C-alpha atoms as a PDB file:
ATOM      1  CA  UNK A   1    -171.729  21.633   0.934  1.00  0.00           C
ATOM      2  CA  UNK A   2    -170.150  24.973   0.485  1.00  0.00           C
ATOM      3  CA  UNK A   3    -167.667  25.256  -2.272  1.00  0.00           C
ATOM      4  CA  UNK A   4    -164.194  26.694  -1.745  1.00  0.00           C
ATOM      5  CA  UNK A   5    -163.765  30.157  -3.065  1.00  0.00           C
ATOM      6  CA  UNK A   6    -161.666  30.319  -6.116  1.00  0.00           C
ATOM      7  CA  UNK A   7    -158.378  32.163  -5.994  1.00  0.00           C
ATOM      8  CA  UNK A   8    -158.238  34.878  -8.407  1.00  0.00           C
ATOM      9  CA  UNK A   9    -155.425  35.094 -10.832  1.00  0.00           C
ATOM     10  CA  UNK A  10    -154.416  38.416  -9.377  1.00  0.00           C
ATOM     11  CA  UNK A  11    -153.839  37.060  -5.871  1.00  0.00           C
ATOM     12  CA  UNK A  12    -150.160  36.446  -4.856  1.00  0.00           C
ATOM     13  CA  UNK A  13    -149.069  33.077  -3.454  1.00  0.00           C
ATOM     14  CA  UNK A  14    -146.766  33.340  -0.397  1.00  0.00           C
ATOM     15  CA  UNK A  15    -144.584  30.303   0.405  1.00  0.00           C
ATOM     16  CA  UNK A  16    -142.700  30.090   3.773  1.00  0.00           C
ATOM     17  CA  UNK A  17    -139.832  27.577   4.082  1.00  0.00           C
ATOM     18  CA  UNK A  18    -138.629  26.549   7.531  1.00  0.00           C
ATOM     19  CA  UNK A  19    -135.165  24.992   8.061  1.00  0.00           C
ATOM     20  CA  UNK A  20    -134.658  22.280  10.603  1.00  0.00           C
ATOM     21  CA  UNK A  21    -132.118  22.813  13.422  1.00  0.00           C
ATOM     22  CA  UNK A  22    -132.467  26.580  13.699  1.00  0.00           C
ATOM     23  CA  UNK A  23    -128.855  27.359  12.516  1.00  0.00           C
ATOM     24  CA  UNK A  24    -128.218  30.694  10.902  1.00  0.00           C
ATOM     25  CA  UNK A  25    -125.714  31.489   8.187  1.00  0.00           C
ATOM     26  CA  UNK A  26    -122.024  31.004   9.234  1.00  0.00           C
ATOM     27  CA  UNK A  27    -121.343  34.691   8.651  1.00  0.00           C
ATOM     28  CA  UNK A  28    -123.704  35.574  11.431  1.00  0.00           C
ATOM     29  CA  UNK A  29    -122.620  32.725  13.756  1.00  0.00           C
ATOM     30  CA  UNK A  30    -120.179  32.725  16.798  1.00  0.00           C
ATOM     31  CA  UNK A  31    -117.358  30.433  15.534  1.00  0.00           C
ATOM     32  CA  UNK A  32    -115.032  33.388  14.897  1.00  0.00           C
ATOM     33  CA  UNK A  33    -115.386  34.508  18.497  1.00  0.00           C
ATOM     34  CA  UNK A  34    -114.026  31.197  19.723  1.00  0.00           C
ATOM     35  CA  UNK A  35    -111.032  31.417  17.357  1.00  0.00           C
ATOM     36  CA  UNK A  36    -110.345  35.003  18.445  1.00  0.00           C
ATOM     37  CA  UNK A  37    -110.484  34.021  22.105  1.00  0.00           C
ATOM     38  CA  UNK A  38    -107.977  31.226  21.513  1.00  0.00           C
ATOM     39  CA  UNK A  39    -105.665  33.659  19.723  1.00  0.00           C
ATOM     40  CA  UNK A  40    -105.813  36.186  22.583  1.00  0.00           C
ATOM     41  CA  UNK A  41    -105.065  33.432  25.121  1.00  0.00           C
ATOM     42  CA  UNK A  42    -101.999  32.344  23.155  1.00  0.00           C
ATOM     43  CA  UNK A  43    -100.765  35.961  22.896  1.00  0.00           C
ATOM     44  CA  UNK A  44    -101.226  36.479  26.632  1.00  0.00           C
ATOM     45  CA  UNK A  45     -99.215  33.321  27.332  1.00  0.00           C
ATOM     46  CA  UNK A  46     -96.466  34.517  24.965  1.00  0.00           C
ATOM     47  CA  UNK A  47     -96.209  37.936  26.640  1.00  0.00           C
ATOM     48  CA  UNK A  48     -96.164  36.280  30.050  1.00  0.00           C
ATOM     49  CA  UNK A  49     -93.225  34.065  29.022  1.00  0.00           C
ATOM     50  CA  UNK A  50     -91.349  37.069  27.589  1.00  0.00           C
ATOM     51  CA  UNK A  51     -91.881  39.014  30.815  1.00  0.00           C
ATOM     52  CA  UNK A  52     -90.636  36.133  32.934  1.00  0.00           C
ATOM     53  CA  UNK A  53     -87.515  35.791  30.766  1.00  0.00           C
ATOM     54  CA  UNK A  54     -86.849  39.498  31.191  1.00  0.00           C
ATOM     55  CA  UNK A  55     -87.135  39.637  34.989  1.00  0.00           C
ATOM     56  CA  UNK A  56     -85.288  36.427  35.893  1.00  0.00           C
ATOM     57  CA  UNK A  57     -81.535  36.289  36.475  1.00  0.00           C
ATOM     58  CA  UNK A  58     -79.100  33.988  34.715  1.00  0.00           C
ATOM     59  CA  UNK A  59     -78.915  31.733  37.790  1.00  0.00           C
ATOM     60  CA  UNK A  60     -82.688  31.440  37.868  1.00  0.00           C
ATOM     61  CA  UNK A  61     -82.839  30.631  34.163  1.00  0.00           C
ATOM     62  CA  UNK A  62     -80.259  27.889  34.661  1.00  0.00           C
ATOM     63  CA  UNK A  63     -82.258  26.578  37.598  1.00  0.00           C
ATOM     64  CA  UNK A  64     -85.441  26.449  35.534  1.00  0.00           C
ATOM     65  CA  UNK A  65     -83.614  24.738  32.679  1.00  0.00           C
ATOM     66  CA  UNK A  66     -82.147  22.168  35.052  1.00  0.00           C
ATOM     67  CA  UNK A  67     -85.573  21.558  36.565  1.00  0.00           C
ATOM     68  CA  UNK A  68     -86.903  20.393  33.220  1.00  0.00           C
ATOM     69  CA  UNK A  69     -83.737  18.404  32.460  1.00  0.00           C
ATOM     70  CA  UNK A  70     -84.070  14.979  34.119  1.00  0.00           C
ATOM     71  CA  UNK A  71     -80.340  14.348  33.782  1.00  0.00           C
ATOM     72  CA  UNK A  72     -79.032  17.637  35.175  1.00  0.00           C
ATOM     73  CA  UNK A  73     -81.709  18.168  37.852  1.00  0.00           C
ATOM     74  CA  UNK A  74     -80.418  18.046  41.439  1.00  0.00           C
ATOM     75  CA  UNK A  75     -82.912  16.674  43.951  1.00  0.00           C
ATOM     76  CA  UNK A  76     -80.500  16.343  46.854  1.00  0.00           C
ATOM     77  CA  UNK A  77     -82.186  19.056  48.911  1.00  0.00           C
ATOM     78  CA  UNK A  78     -85.757  20.188  49.296  1.00  0.00           C
ATOM     79  CA  UNK A  79     -84.640  23.824  49.095  1.00  0.00           C
ATOM     80  CA  UNK A  80     -82.808  23.312  45.789  1.00  0.00           C
ATOM     81  CA  UNK A  81     -85.615  24.049  43.391  1.00  0.00           C
ATOM     82  CA  UNK A  82     -85.560  25.699  40.001  1.00  0.00           C
ATOM     83  CA  UNK A  83     -84.893  29.078  41.626  1.00  0.00           C
ATOM     84  CA  UNK A  84     -82.862  27.666  44.568  1.00  0.00           C
ATOM     85  CA  UNK A  85     -84.932  29.411  47.217  1.00  0.00           C
ATOM     86  CA  UNK A  86     -85.281  32.672  45.265  1.00  0.00           C
ATOM     87  CA  UNK A  87     -88.348  34.386  43.968  1.00  0.00           C
ATOM     88  CA  UNK A  88     -89.210  37.280  41.692  1.00  0.00           C
ATOM     89  CA  UNK A  89     -90.875  40.321  43.235  1.00  0.00           C
ATOM     90  CA  UNK A  90     -93.454  42.502  41.550  1.00  0.00           C
ATOM     91  CA  UNK A  91     -90.879  44.865  40.121  1.00  0.00           C
ATOM     92  CA  UNK A  92     -88.843  41.971  38.736  1.00  0.00           C
ATOM     93  CA  UNK A  93     -86.066  42.185  41.344  1.00  0.00           C
ATOM     94  CA  UNK A  94     -84.549  39.010  42.717  1.00  0.00           C
ATOM     95  CA  UNK A  95     -85.284  38.286  46.395  1.00  0.00           C
ATOM     96  CA  UNK A  96     -84.437  35.464  48.765  1.00  0.00           C
ATOM     97  CA  UNK A  97     -81.479  34.142  50.696  1.00  0.00           C
ATOM     98  CA  UNK A  98     -78.914  34.485  47.931  1.00  0.00           C
ATOM     99  CA  UNK A  99     -79.339  38.047  46.690  1.00  0.00           C
ATOM    100  CA  UNK A 100     -81.845  40.845  47.172  1.00  0.00           C
ATOM    101  CA  UNK A 101     -82.939  43.317  44.543  1.00  0.00           C
ATOM    102  CA  UNK A 102     -81.580  46.241  46.524  1.00  0.00           C
ATOM    103  CA  UNK A 103     -78.129  44.656  46.787  1.00  0.00           C
ATOM    104  CA  UNK A 104     -78.100  43.934  43.065  1.00  0.00           C
ATOM    105  CA  UNK A 105     -79.002  47.545  42.264  1.00  0.00           C
ATOM    106  CA  UNK A 106     -76.327  48.793  44.665  1.00  0.00           C
ATOM    107  CA  UNK A 107     -73.662  46.603  43.076  1.00  0.00           C
ATOM    108  CA  UNK A 108     -74.699  47.705  39.599  1.00  0.00           C
ATOM    109  CA  UNK A 109     -74.566  51.336  40.666  1.00  0.00           C
ATOM    110  CA  UNK A 110     -71.097  50.972  42.159  1.00  0.00           C
ATOM    111  CA  UNK A 111     -69.800  49.250  39.007  1.00  0.00           C
ATOM    112  CA  UNK A 112     -71.263  51.942  36.782  1.00  0.00           C
ATOM    113  CA  UNK A 113     -69.903  54.774  38.898  1.00  0.00           C
ATOM    114  CA  UNK A 114     -66.454  53.181  38.948  1.00  0.00           C
ATOM    115  CA  UNK A 115     -66.354  52.775  35.175  1.00  0.00           C
ATOM    116  CA  UNK A 116     -67.675  56.236  34.439  1.00  0.00           C
ATOM    117  CA  UNK A 117     -65.509  58.061  36.966  1.00  0.00           C
ATOM    118  CA  UNK A 118     -63.244  60.392  34.975  1.00  0.00           C
ATOM    119  CA  UNK A 119     -59.542  60.612  35.771  1.00  0.00           C
ATOM    120  CA  UNK A 120     -58.366  63.693  37.576  1.00  0.00           C
ATOM    121  CA  UNK A 121     -55.751  66.011  36.120  1.00  0.00           C
ATOM    122  CA  UNK A 122     -53.242  64.723  38.677  1.00  0.00           C
ATOM    123  CA  UNK A 123     -53.844  61.111  37.650  1.00  0.00           C
ATOM    124  CA  UNK A 124     -53.454  61.939  33.969  1.00  0.00           C
ATOM    125  CA  UNK A 125     -50.257  63.864  34.668  1.00  0.00           C
ATOM    126  CA  UNK A 126     -48.877  60.973  36.758  1.00  0.00           C
ATOM    127  CA  UNK A 127     -49.590  58.464  33.978  1.00  0.00           C
ATOM    128  CA  UNK A 128     -47.888  60.697  31.421  1.00  0.00           C
ATOM    129  CA  UNK A 129     -44.879  61.117  33.715  1.00  0.00           C
ATOM    130  CA  UNK A 130     -44.524  57.352  34.187  1.00  0.00           C
ATOM    131  CA  UNK A 131     -44.841  56.767  30.441  1.00  0.00           C
ATOM    132  CA  UNK A 132     -42.133  59.359  29.752  1.00  0.00           C
ATOM    133  CA  UNK A 133     -39.829  57.781  32.348  1.00  0.00           C
ATOM    134  CA  UNK A 134     -40.380  54.305  30.891  1.00  0.00           C
ATOM    135  CA  UNK A 135     -39.578  55.573  27.381  1.00  0.00           C
ATOM    136  CA  UNK A 136     -36.423  57.359  28.564  1.00  0.00           C
ATOM    137  CA  UNK A 137     -35.315  54.208  30.394  1.00  0.00           C
ATOM    138  CA  UNK A 138     -35.944  52.051  27.326  1.00  0.00           C
ATOM    139  CA  UNK A 139     -33.943  54.476  25.178  1.00  0.00           C
ATOM    140  CA  UNK A 140     -30.959  54.050  27.517  1.00  0.00           C
ATOM    141  CA  UNK A 141     -31.262  50.258  27.392  1.00  0.00           C
ATOM    142  CA  UNK A 142     -31.500  50.318  23.600  1.00  0.00           C
ATOM    143  CA  UNK A 143     -28.392  52.500  23.418  1.00  0.00           C
ATOM    144  CA  UNK A 144     -26.477  50.046  25.638  1.00  0.00           C
ATOM    145  CA  UNK A 145     -27.673  47.155  23.470  1.00  0.00           C
ATOM    146  CA  UNK A 146     -26.427  48.912  20.330  1.00  0.00           C
ATOM    147  CA  UNK A 147     -23.057  49.792  21.849  1.00  0.00           C
ATOM    148  CA  UNK A 148     -22.374  46.235  23.032  1.00  0.00           C
ATOM    149  CA  UNK A 149     -23.298  44.760  19.644  1.00  0.00           C
ATOM    150  CA  UNK A 150     -21.184  47.228  17.672  1.00  0.00           C
ATOM    151  CA  UNK A 151     -18.104  46.866  19.873  1.00  0.00           C
ATOM    152  CA  UNK A 152     -18.169  43.076  19.812  1.00  0.00           C
ATOM    153  CA  UNK A 153     -18.693  43.046  16.033  1.00  0.00           C
ATOM    154  CA  UNK A 154     -15.668  45.332  15.630  1.00  0.00           C
ATOM    155  CA  UNK A 155     -13.423  43.123  17.799  1.00  0.00           C
ATOM    156  CA  UNK A 156     -11.602  40.478  15.765  1.00  0.00           C
ATOM    157  CA  UNK A 157     -10.676  38.269  18.727  1.00  0.00           C
ATOM    158  CA  UNK A 158     -14.267  38.243  20.054  1.00  0.00           C
ATOM    159  CA  UNK A 159     -16.007  37.159  16.864  1.00  0.00           C
ATOM    160  CA  UNK A 160     -16.013  33.556  18.035  1.00  0.00           C
ATOM    161  CA  UNK A 161     -17.925  34.555  21.169  1.00  0.00           C
ATOM    162  CA  UNK A 162     -20.241  36.969  19.351  1.00  0.00           C
ATOM    163  CA  UNK A 163     -22.458  34.073  18.276  1.00  0.00           C
ATOM    164  CA  UNK A 164     -22.732  33.034  21.921  1.00  0.00           C
ATOM    165  CA  UNK A 165     -24.262  36.359  22.943  1.00  0.00           C
ATOM    166  CA  UNK A 166     -28.046  36.663  23.396  1.00  0.00           C
ATOM    167  CA  UNK A 167     -29.385  40.165  24.145  1.00  0.00           C
ATOM    168  CA  UNK A 168     -33.122  40.662  24.642  1.00  0.00           C
ATOM    169  CA  UNK A 169     -35.599  43.046  26.242  1.00  0.00           C
ATOM    170  CA  UNK A 170     -37.704  41.439  28.954  1.00  0.00           C
ATOM    171  CA  UNK A 171     -40.192  42.683  31.535  1.00  0.00           C
ATOM    172  CA  UNK A 172     -37.348  42.560  34.041  1.00  0.00           C
ATOM    173  CA  UNK A 173     -34.963  44.594  31.895  1.00  0.00           C
ATOM    174  CA  UNK A 174     -32.233  44.227  29.250  1.00  0.00           C
ATOM    175  CA  UNK A 175     -30.927  40.656  29.593  1.00  0.00           C
ATOM    176  CA  UNK A 176     -27.472  39.868  28.230  1.00  0.00           C
ATOM    177  CA  UNK A 177     -26.684  36.143  28.187  1.00  0.00           C
ATOM    178  CA  UNK A 178     -23.249  34.754  27.386  1.00  0.00           C
ATOM    179  CA  UNK A 179     -23.655  31.093  26.505  1.00  0.00           C
ATOM    180  CA  UNK A 180     -21.257  28.262  25.739  1.00  0.00           C
ATOM    181  CA  UNK A 181     -21.155  26.761  22.260  1.00  0.00           C
ATOM    182  CA  UNK A 182     -19.302  23.500  21.915  1.00  0.00           C
ATOM    183  CA  UNK A 183     -15.650  24.230  22.636  1.00  0.00           C
ATOM    184  CA  UNK A 184     -16.163  28.010  22.595  1.00  0.00           C
ATOM    185  CA  UNK A 185     -16.657  28.991  26.240  1.00  0.00           C
ATOM    186  CA  UNK A 186     -15.953  31.706  28.792  1.00  0.00           C
ATOM    187  CA  UNK A 187     -14.790  29.150  31.336  1.00  0.00           C
ATOM    188  CA  UNK A 188     -12.800  25.946  31.279  1.00  0.00           C
ATOM    189  CA  UNK A 189     -14.724  22.772  32.158  1.00  0.00           C
ATOM    190  CA  UNK A 190     -15.467  22.669  35.900  1.00  0.00           C
ATOM    191  CA  UNK A 191     -13.731  26.017  36.464  1.00  0.00           C
ATOM    192  CA  UNK A 192     -15.025  29.430  37.570  1.00  0.00           C
ATOM    193  CA  UNK A 193     -12.028  31.289  36.145  1.00  0.00           C
ATOM    194  CA  UNK A 194     -12.819  33.226  32.967  1.00  0.00           C
ATOM    195  CA  UNK A 195     -10.533  32.831  29.980  1.00  0.00           C
ATOM    196  CA  UNK A 196      -9.086  35.844  28.188  1.00  0.00           C
ATOM    197  CA  UNK A 197     -11.860  36.141  25.625  1.00  0.00           C
ATOM    198  CA  UNK A 198     -14.574  35.826  28.276  1.00  0.00           C
ATOM    199  CA  UNK A 199     -12.947  38.536  30.405  1.00  0.00           C
ATOM    200  CA  UNK A 200     -12.831  40.913  27.399  1.00  0.00           C
ATOM    201  CA  UNK A 201     -16.492  40.235  26.613  1.00  0.00           C
ATOM    202  CA  UNK A 202     -17.590  40.952  30.186  1.00  0.00           C
ATOM    203  CA  UNK A 203     -15.403  44.058  30.164  1.00  0.00           C
ATOM    204  CA  UNK A 204     -17.160  45.409  27.061  1.00  0.00           C
ATOM    205  CA  UNK A 205     -20.564  44.784  28.687  1.00  0.00           C
ATOM    206  CA  UNK A 206     -19.478  46.499  31.910  1.00  0.00           C
ATOM    207  CA  UNK A 207     -18.086  49.482  30.019  1.00  0.00           C
ATOM    208  CA  UNK A 208     -21.379  49.883  28.081  1.00  0.00           C
ATOM    209  CA  UNK A 209     -23.556  49.851  31.191  1.00  0.00           C
ATOM    210  CA  UNK A 210     -21.351  51.604  33.757  1.00  0.00           C
ATOM    211  CA  UNK A 211     -22.972  55.020  33.295  1.00  0.00           C
ATOM    212  CA  UNK A 212     -26.534  53.745  33.468  1.00  0.00           C
ATOM    213  CA  UNK A 213     -28.486  54.446  36.670  1.00  0.00           C
ATOM    214  CA  UNK A 214     -30.122  51.002  36.618  1.00  0.00           C
ATOM    215  CA  UNK A 215     -29.218  48.244  39.022  1.00  0.00           C
ATOM    216  CA  UNK A 216     -27.743  44.962  37.778  1.00  0.00           C
ATOM    217  CA  UNK A 217     -28.589  41.306  38.419  1.00  0.00           C
ATOM    218  CA  UNK A 218     -26.082  38.530  37.596  1.00  0.00           C
ATOM    219  CA  UNK A 219     -26.984  34.820  37.443  1.00  0.00           C
ATOM    220  CA  UNK A 220     -24.896  31.738  36.693  1.00  0.00           C
ATOM    221  CA  UNK A 221     -26.297  28.569  35.060  1.00  0.00           C
ATOM    222  CA  UNK A 222     -25.005  25.079  34.275  1.00  0.00           C
ATOM    223  CA  UNK A 223     -26.234  22.332  31.982  1.00  0.00           C
ATOM    224  CA  UNK A 224     -27.993  19.199  33.181  1.00  0.00           C
ATOM    225  CA  UNK A 225     -24.871  16.995  33.304  1.00  0.00           C
ATOM    226  CA  UNK A 226     -23.971  15.833  36.788  1.00  0.00           C
ATOM    227  CA  UNK A 227     -20.829  17.427  38.180  1.00  0.00           C
ATOM    228  CA  UNK A 228     -19.373  16.814  41.614  1.00  0.00           C
ATOM    229  CA  UNK A 229     -15.870  16.833  43.091  1.00  0.00           C
ATOM    230  CA  UNK A 230     -14.650  14.773  45.980  1.00  0.00           C
ATOM    231  CA  UNK A 231     -15.091  17.712  48.346  1.00  0.00           C
ATOM    232  CA  UNK A 232     -18.802  18.021  47.385  1.00  0.00           C
ATOM    233  CA  UNK A 233     -18.295  20.961  45.054  1.00  0.00           C
ATOM    234  CA  UNK A 234     -21.010  20.680  42.363  1.00  0.00           C
ATOM    235  CA  UNK A 235     -23.183  22.593  39.916  1.00  0.00           C
ATOM    236  CA  UNK A 236     -24.659  24.861  42.577  1.00  0.00           C
ATOM    237  CA  UNK A 237     -21.273  26.069  43.732  1.00  0.00           C
ATOM    238  CA  UNK A 238     -19.950  26.266  40.162  1.00  0.00           C
ATOM    239  CA  UNK A 239     -22.853  28.399  38.898  1.00  0.00           C
ATOM    240  CA  UNK A 240     -22.558  30.760  41.898  1.00  0.00           C
ATOM    241  CA  UNK A 241     -18.791  31.149  41.462  1.00  0.00           C
ATOM    242  CA  UNK A 242     -19.156  31.891  37.748  1.00  0.00           C
ATOM    243  CA  UNK A 243     -21.797  34.542  38.512  1.00  0.00           C
ATOM    244  CA  UNK A 244     -19.376  36.151  40.992  1.00  0.00           C
ATOM    245  CA  UNK A 245     -16.605  36.031  38.403  1.00  0.00           C
ATOM    246  CA  UNK A 246     -18.863  37.983  36.023  1.00  0.00           C
ATOM    247  CA  UNK A 247     -19.655  40.438  38.840  1.00  0.00           C
ATOM    248  CA  UNK A 248     -15.957  41.104  39.400  1.00  0.00           C
ATOM    249  CA  UNK A 249     -15.533  41.603  35.639  1.00  0.00           C
ATOM    250  CA  UNK A 250     -18.241  44.292  35.299  1.00  0.00           C
ATOM    251  CA  UNK A 251     -17.032  46.017  38.470  1.00  0.00           C
ATOM    252  CA  UNK A 252     -13.515  46.116  37.037  1.00  0.00           C
ATOM    253  CA  UNK A 253     -15.007  47.891  33.999  1.00  0.00           C
ATOM    254  CA  UNK A 254     -16.397  50.643  36.229  1.00  0.00           C
ATOM    255  CA  UNK A 255     -19.836  49.457  37.395  1.00  0.00           C
ATOM    256  CA  UNK A 256     -20.411  50.652  40.976  1.00  0.00           C
ATOM    257  CA  UNK A 257     -20.801  47.813  43.470  1.00  0.00           C
ATOM    258  CA  UNK A 258     -23.858  49.605  44.913  1.00  0.00           C
ATOM    259  CA  UNK A 259     -25.686  48.956  41.649  1.00  0.00           C
ATOM    260  CA  UNK A 260     -25.344  45.179  41.984  1.00  0.00           C
ATOM    261  CA  UNK A 261     -28.781  44.066  43.173  1.00  0.00           C
ATOM    262  CA  UNK A 262     -28.337  40.306  43.115  1.00  0.00           C
ATOM    263  CA  UNK A 263     -25.712  37.655  42.352  1.00  0.00           C
ATOM    264  CA  UNK A 264     -26.888  34.047  42.354  1.00  0.00           C
ATOM    265  CA  UNK A 265     -26.252  30.590  40.954  1.00  0.00           C
ATOM    266  CA  UNK A 266     -29.191  28.495  39.743  1.00  0.00           C
ATOM    267  CA  UNK A 267     -27.231  25.380  38.726  1.00  0.00           C
ATOM    268  CA  UNK A 268     -29.381  23.406  36.245  1.00  0.00           C
ATOM    269  CA  UNK A 269     -32.772  24.723  37.481  1.00  0.00           C
ATOM    270  CA  UNK A 270     -33.396  27.216  34.661  1.00  0.00           C
ATOM    271  CA  UNK A 271     -32.271  25.855  31.287  1.00  0.00           C
ATOM    272  CA  UNK A 272     -32.237  28.003  28.183  1.00  0.00           C
ATOM    273  CA  UNK A 273     -33.353  24.896  26.291  1.00  0.00           C
ATOM    274  CA  UNK A 274     -35.463  22.837  28.737  1.00  0.00           C
ATOM    275  CA  UNK A 275     -35.965  20.028  26.234  1.00  0.00           C
ATOM    276  CA  UNK A 276     -32.204  19.595  25.792  1.00  0.00           C
ATOM    277  CA  UNK A 277     -30.622  19.681  29.281  1.00  0.00           C
ATOM    278  CA  UNK A 278     -27.186  18.655  27.987  1.00  0.00           C
ATOM    279  CA  UNK A 279     -27.054  21.430  25.351  1.00  0.00           C
ATOM    280  CA  UNK A 280     -23.868  23.483  25.995  1.00  0.00           C
ATOM    281  CA  UNK A 281     -25.839  26.710  25.536  1.00  0.00           C
ATOM    282  CA  UNK A 282     -27.509  25.999  28.882  1.00  0.00           C
ATOM    283  CA  UNK A 283     -24.116  26.800  30.447  1.00  0.00           C
ATOM    284  CA  UNK A 284     -24.286  30.565  30.607  1.00  0.00           C
ATOM    285  CA  UNK A 285     -23.999  33.752  32.629  1.00  0.00           C
ATOM    286  CA  UNK A 286     -26.884  36.246  32.525  1.00  0.00           C
ATOM    287  CA  UNK A 287     -26.286  39.945  33.180  1.00  0.00           C
ATOM    288  CA  UNK A 288     -29.580  41.856  33.434  1.00  0.00           C
ATOM    289  CA  UNK A 289     -29.868  45.654  33.566  1.00  0.00           C
ATOM    290  CA  UNK A 290     -32.985  45.929  35.709  1.00  0.00           C
ATOM    291  CA  UNK A 291     -35.840  48.311  35.122  1.00  0.00           C
ATOM    292  CA  UNK A 292     -36.811  50.426  38.123  1.00  0.00           C
ATOM    293  CA  UNK A 293     -39.773  48.265  39.126  1.00  0.00           C
ATOM    294  CA  UNK A 294     -37.762  45.050  38.817  1.00  0.00           C
ATOM    295  CA  UNK A 295     -34.908  46.600  40.792  1.00  0.00           C
ATOM    296  CA  UNK A 296     -37.293  47.311  43.697  1.00  0.00           C
ATOM    297  CA  UNK A 297     -38.470  43.674  43.630  1.00  0.00           C
ATOM    298  CA  UNK A 298     -34.843  42.482  43.642  1.00  0.00           C
ATOM    299  CA  UNK A 299     -34.062  44.728  46.605  1.00  0.00           C
ATOM    300  CA  UNK A 300     -36.974  43.245  48.583  1.00  0.00           C
ATOM    301  CA  UNK A 301     -35.770  39.730  47.796  1.00  0.00           C
END
């Protein structure tokens, strides 16, 4: 029997270890590729959602939102989907029965051109002319306001009626209202004849406005208390007659009859204090110096 050769001390022993399963080190494996692929898929989905948000209209967004809202969703018609019969073309324009992309672009272009269109020199000059005319007209109305106030304040016998006077600028013009206050009145109860103090007050107003070019509107008002005579004469007739009495007073002060645009009685249909229909201040006569635009409207009426 042959003996095994002895290994010399100088020979090197080589040991090979084999691992079961055949897996390599994680650093050299493919797990990171799977994670990276998932990340890229999520990013692609995000960019797709952002693109869709950008190219859809507000109506389409509402339709999509309603589609996913079980309470707000309308299923009454097969054509009423999330986009209500509309779709998005490749360039992001809205197409379908409701609105096409070309029409939307045309509308947007018209709006932009209208906004950006500069005013011509003639238009600018016309606006400046109208502004200057409006300022000059307001200056005349302010001067009349000042004159009326100063003259009434200087009159001893009109001080009782001075508190009954309301003068204000309105869109229609300078409105001068002479109201009743308790026992202080221009007219006796149920009468269209002005007392002495009322006639003086109307005379001062007529004298202050007689040289103005503006037209004049005069309106009579009553309070909410029922008034009727046996012959059927009531608040409508009374308010109209008092307005005509004021008209005669301003004409006597020098206001040309051609400047009177309107004389009317409104009875109790336009209270100064709507919440207090029986307030004596609702009984009044309004004399309005009309602005040019308001005067044209009054002439058409």
